[in-house]
Amino acid sequence: MDRRTYLQSVATTGTVALTAGCLGNDGAEGTVLGPPDRDLSDAAHPSYGDEMPDFSVPDPITGETVSPSALEGDRSFLWTSFYTNCPDGVCPALILRLRRAQEVAAEKGYGDDAAFLAMTFDPERDTADVLRTYADQQGVDLDAGNWHFLRPESYEAGKELLDEKFGLVIEKVPANSYENLEYQFPHYGLILLVNDRGIVERAYPNGASVDIETVERDFETVVTA
């Protein structure tokens, strides 16, 4: 996968104006939303109209193994990757956007048609107990039954999955700038919105800074279509 292609998509993609879309008849096959304002089809990561890559990753809290294909015909979902020791605020911002969409789904009564998948790429530190604590800190409702923290079996397994399936290069590096961290991960803030047919409706490369209401609105439109 071409990391530079992904970085270019991040550099050239704005927030609200470039990610928001509308219903229309000129959309990709199998989609609800019309095309986004910015064409990301050359990016390494999945984008509008692509099939969501399939995988199987355990949820250490529920004990389930979760895969996108198992959600087809049942739930639309938001997906992102993160780690709980993220020192720069990017990961909490990603989780916030999924959590806010979860709250809106509960308030408006379509929570049973939605799912939220947040995959850690730091399974060595992000144990089930750590993820439970993190959920509480971030305001995630684990009791809703639609949120899954995904934890690969190993760092190498997660790294390979993100590279091969999503075009995201993850590398563990020393955390020299942070006194309390042994290592950190330079990483990307990608959020994907996927419909219940398994088709990507929106890719938000700048997921940590994309307007929260844009994500909420796009997701509601897709789930309730």
Protein backbone atom coordinates (compact mmCIF):
# COMPACT_ATOMS: atom_id res chain seq x y z
CA MET A 1 0.00 0.00 0.00
CA ASP A 2 1.22 3.51 -0.82
CA ARG A 3 1.52 5.53 2.36
CA ARG A 4 2.20 8.72 0.41
CA THR A 5 -1.09 8.37 -1.44
CA TYR A 6 -2.89 8.25 1.89
CA LEU A 7 -1.00 11.24 3.23
CA GLN A 8 -1.89 13.18 0.09
CA SER A 9 -5.55 12.43 0.64
CA VAL A 10 -5.25 13.77 4.18
CA ALA A 11 -3.39 16.87 3.10
CA THR A 12 -5.83 17.75 0.36
CA THR A 13 -9.06 16.87 2.13
CA GLY A 14 -10.82 19.46 4.25
CA THR A 15 -13.32 18.83 6.97
CA VAL A 16 -16.97 19.70 6.52
CA ALA A 17 -17.09 20.88 2.93
CA LEU A 18 -15.11 17.96 1.58
CA THR A 19 -16.75 15.16 3.49
CA ALA A 20 -20.40 16.07 3.69
CA GLY A 21 -22.67 14.70 1.01
CA CYS A 22 -26.29 14.58 0.08
CA LEU A 23 -28.80 12.13 -1.21
CA GLY A 24 -28.89 11.90 -4.93
CA ASN A 25 -29.42 9.66 -7.94
CA ASP A 26 -25.83 9.94 -9.15
CA GLY A 27 -24.29 7.97 -6.31
CA ALA A 28 -22.20 4.83 -6.53
CA GLU A 29 -24.02 1.52 -6.77
CA GLY A 30 -25.31 0.35 -3.41
CA THR A 31 -24.93 3.71 -1.66
CA VAL A 32 -27.42 6.00 0.04
CA LEU A 33 -25.40 9.21 -0.02
CA GLY A 34 -24.38 11.02 -3.16
CA PRO A 35 -20.69 11.38 -4.00
CA PRO A 36 -18.57 13.44 -1.59
CA ASP A 37 -17.25 16.77 -2.74
CA ARG A 38 -13.72 15.38 -2.83
CA ASP A 39 -12.87 12.27 -4.84
CA LEU A 40 -10.68 10.01 -2.69
CA SER A 41 -10.76 7.02 -5.03
CA ASP A 42 -6.99 7.16 -5.56
CA ALA A 43 -6.26 7.00 -1.83
CA ALA A 44 -4.81 3.83 -0.31
CA HIS A 45 -7.64 3.59 2.20
CA PRO A 46 -11.20 2.51 1.30
CA SER A 47 -13.36 5.36 0.08
CA TYR A 48 -16.84 6.14 -1.26
CA GLY A 49 -18.41 3.23 -3.11
CA ASP A 50 -15.76 0.67 -2.11
CA GLU A 51 -16.59 -2.56 -0.35
CA MET A 52 -15.59 -2.49 3.29
CA PRO A 53 -12.61 -4.82 3.82
CA ASP A 54 -13.60 -7.87 5.82
CA PHE A 55 -11.77 -9.12 8.88
CA SER A 56 -12.43 -11.00 12.11
CA VAL A 57 -11.17 -9.42 15.33
CA PRO A 58 -12.14 -10.26 18.92
CA ASP A 59 -14.07 -7.92 21.17
CA PRO A 60 -12.40 -8.69 24.51
CA ILE A 61 -15.24 -7.18 26.51
CA THR A 62 -18.16 -9.10 25.00
CA GLY A 63 -16.16 -12.18 24.06
CA GLU A 64 -17.47 -12.00 20.50
CA THR A 65 -15.47 -12.12 17.30
CA VAL A 66 -16.62 -9.22 15.13
CA SER A 67 -16.49 -8.95 11.36
CA PRO A 68 -18.01 -6.38 8.98
CA SER A 69 -19.56 -9.12 6.85
CA ALA A 70 -21.59 -10.32 9.85
CA LEU A 71 -23.20 -6.88 10.06
CA GLU A 72 -24.40 -6.86 6.45
CA GLY A 73 -28.16 -6.77 6.16
CA ASP A 74 -28.44 -5.80 9.80
CA ARG A 75 -26.48 -2.68 10.78
CA SER A 76 -24.68 0.28 9.27
CA PHE A 77 -21.57 1.22 11.20
CA LEU A 78 -18.74 3.63 11.89
CA TRP A 79 -15.21 2.25 12.06
CA THR A 80 -11.95 3.76 13.29
CA SER A 81 -8.61 2.69 14.76
CA PHE A 82 -6.98 4.09 17.89
CA TYR A 83 -5.01 3.34 21.06
CA THR A 84 -5.79 4.38 24.60
CA ASN A 85 -2.33 5.81 25.33
CA CYS A 86 -2.55 8.26 22.42
CA PRO A 87 -0.78 11.37 23.78
CA ASP A 88 -1.79 14.00 21.22
CA GLY A 89 -5.59 14.01 21.50
CA VAL A 90 -6.27 12.45 18.09
CA CYS A 91 -7.68 9.16 19.39
CA PRO A 92 -10.04 10.73 21.95
CA ALA A 93 -11.33 12.97 19.15
CA LEU A 94 -12.00 9.95 16.95
CA ILE A 95 -13.80 8.13 19.75
CA LEU A 96 -15.80 11.28 20.51
CA ARG A 97 -17.22 11.32 17.00
CA LEU A 98 -18.31 7.70 17.22
CA ARG A 99 -19.67 8.22 20.72
CA ARG A 100 -21.71 11.25 19.68
CA ALA A 101 -23.17 9.29 16.79
CA GLN A 102 -24.02 6.52 19.27
CA GLU A 103 -25.81 9.02 21.51
CA VAL A 104 -27.85 10.43 18.62
CA ALA A 105 -28.79 6.91 17.51
CA ALA A 106 -30.07 6.16 21.01
CA GLU A 107 -31.96 9.44 21.26
CA LYS A 108 -33.66 8.98 17.88
CA GLY A 109 -34.38 5.28 18.24
CA TYR A 110 -32.18 3.67 15.60
CA GLY A 111 -29.46 2.32 17.88
CA ASP A 112 -30.40 -1.28 17.06
CA ASP A 113 -29.66 -0.59 13.40
CA ALA A 114 -26.22 0.89 14.10
CA ALA A 115 -22.82 -0.34 15.23
CA PHE A 116 -19.59 1.34 16.27
CA LEU A 117 -16.27 -0.44 15.76
CA ALA A 118 -13.13 1.00 17.35
CA MET A 119 -10.04 -1.14 16.77
CA THR A 120 -6.94 -0.75 18.90
CA PHE A 121 -3.53 -1.27 17.30
CA ASP A 122 -1.90 -1.51 20.75
CA PRO A 123 -3.25 -4.82 22.10
CA GLU A 124 -0.27 -5.22 24.44
CA ARG A 125 -1.49 -2.34 26.60
CA ASP A 126 -5.16 -2.18 25.61
CA THR A 127 -6.53 -5.12 27.57
CA ALA A 128 -10.21 -5.70 28.26
CA ASP A 129 -9.96 -3.93 31.61
CA VAL A 130 -8.14 -0.98 30.09
CA LEU A 131 -10.74 -0.69 27.35
CA ARG A 132 -13.59 -0.79 29.88
CA THR A 133 -11.97 2.03 31.83
CA TYR A 134 -11.39 3.98 28.62
CA ALA A 135 -15.03 3.55 27.61
CA ASP A 136 -16.10 5.04 30.93
CA GLN A 137 -13.66 7.92 30.56
CA GLN A 138 -14.86 8.68 27.03
CA GLY A 139 -18.57 8.35 27.79
CA VAL A 140 -19.11 5.29 25.59
CA ASP A 141 -22.24 3.27 26.35
CA LEU A 142 -21.13 -0.36 26.33
CA ASP A 143 -24.54 -1.46 27.60
CA ALA A 144 -26.22 -0.30 24.37
CA GLY A 145 -25.03 -3.48 22.69
CA ASN A 146 -23.84 -1.71 19.55
CA TRP A 147 -20.30 -0.66 20.50
CA HIS A 148 -17.35 -2.98 19.98
CA PHE A 149 -13.77 -2.36 20.98
CA LEU A 150 -11.75 -4.63 18.71
CA ARG A 151 -8.43 -6.03 19.91
CA PRO A 152 -6.21 -7.99 17.51
CA GLU A 153 -4.39 -11.01 18.90
CA SER A 154 -1.04 -9.23 18.65
CA TYR A 155 0.58 -5.98 17.59
CA GLU A 156 1.90 -7.66 14.45
CA ALA A 157 -1.55 -9.01 13.55
CA GLY A 158 -3.12 -5.57 13.93
CA LYS A 159 -0.32 -3.91 12.00
CA GLU A 160 -0.71 -6.36 9.13
CA LEU A 161 -4.49 -5.98 9.06
CA LEU A 162 -4.37 -2.19 8.93
CA ASP A 163 -1.70 -2.20 6.23
CA GLU A 164 -3.16 -4.86 3.96
CA LYS A 165 -6.86 -4.11 4.41
CA PHE A 166 -6.88 -0.35 4.96
CA GLY A 167 -3.61 1.00 3.58
CA LEU A 168 -2.68 2.39 6.99
CA VAL A 169 0.95 2.03 8.05
CA ILE A 170 1.32 1.65 11.82
CA GLU A 171 4.75 1.60 13.44
CA LYS A 172 5.70 1.41 17.09
CA VAL A 173 8.34 4.05 17.93
CA PRO A 174 10.01 5.22 21.17
CA ALA A 175 8.01 7.89 23.00
CA ASN A 176 11.02 10.08 23.68
CA SER A 177 8.92 13.23 24.08
CA TYR A 178 6.61 11.75 26.72
CA GLU A 179 7.96 10.90 30.15
CA ASN A 180 5.35 8.30 31.06
CA LEU A 181 5.21 6.43 27.74
CA GLU A 182 7.60 3.73 26.59
CA TYR A 183 6.38 3.81 22.99
CA GLN A 184 3.82 5.51 20.77
CA PHE A 185 2.37 5.22 17.28
CA PRO A 186 2.44 7.88 14.57
CA HIS A 187 -0.89 7.12 12.94
CA TYR A 188 -3.84 8.34 10.90
CA GLY A 189 -7.24 9.59 11.99
CA LEU A 190 -9.42 7.70 9.55
CA ILE A 191 -13.14 7.14 10.17
CA LEU A 192 -15.22 5.06 7.77
CA LEU A 193 -19.01 5.13 7.47
CA VAL A 194 -20.30 1.85 6.05
CA ASN A 195 -23.88 0.99 5.12
CA ASP A 196 -25.68 -2.27 5.83
CA ARG A 197 -24.73 -3.55 2.38
CA GLY A 198 -21.07 -3.37 3.36
CA ILE A 199 -20.37 -0.37 1.10
CA VAL A 200 -18.35 2.64 2.24
CA GLU A 201 -20.55 5.74 2.21
CA ARG A 202 -17.96 8.15 3.58
CA ALA A 203 -14.26 8.15 4.37
CA TYR A 204 -13.15 10.90 6.72
CA PRO A 205 -9.32 10.97 6.52
CA ASN A 206 -9.21 13.90 8.94
CA GLY A 207 -11.57 12.13 11.29
CA ALA A 208 -10.29 13.83 14.42
CA SER A 209 -11.16 17.26 13.05
CA VAL A 210 -14.16 16.58 10.81
CA ASP A 211 -17.26 18.40 12.03
CA ILE A 212 -19.06 16.18 14.53
CA GLU A 213 -22.49 17.12 13.21
CA THR A 214 -21.41 16.12 9.71
CA VAL A 215 -20.64 12.60 10.90
CA GLU A 216 -23.88 12.46 12.89
CA ARG A 217 -25.95 13.68 9.93
CA ASP A 218 -24.32 11.42 7.35
CA PHE A 219 -24.65 8.41 9.63
CA GLU A 220 -28.30 9.08 10.45
CA THR A 221 -29.13 9.47 6.77
CA VAL A 222 -27.53 6.14 5.93
CA VAL A 223 -28.93 4.18 8.88
CA THR A 224 -32.49 5.43 8.48
CA ALA A 225 -32.69 5.22 4.68
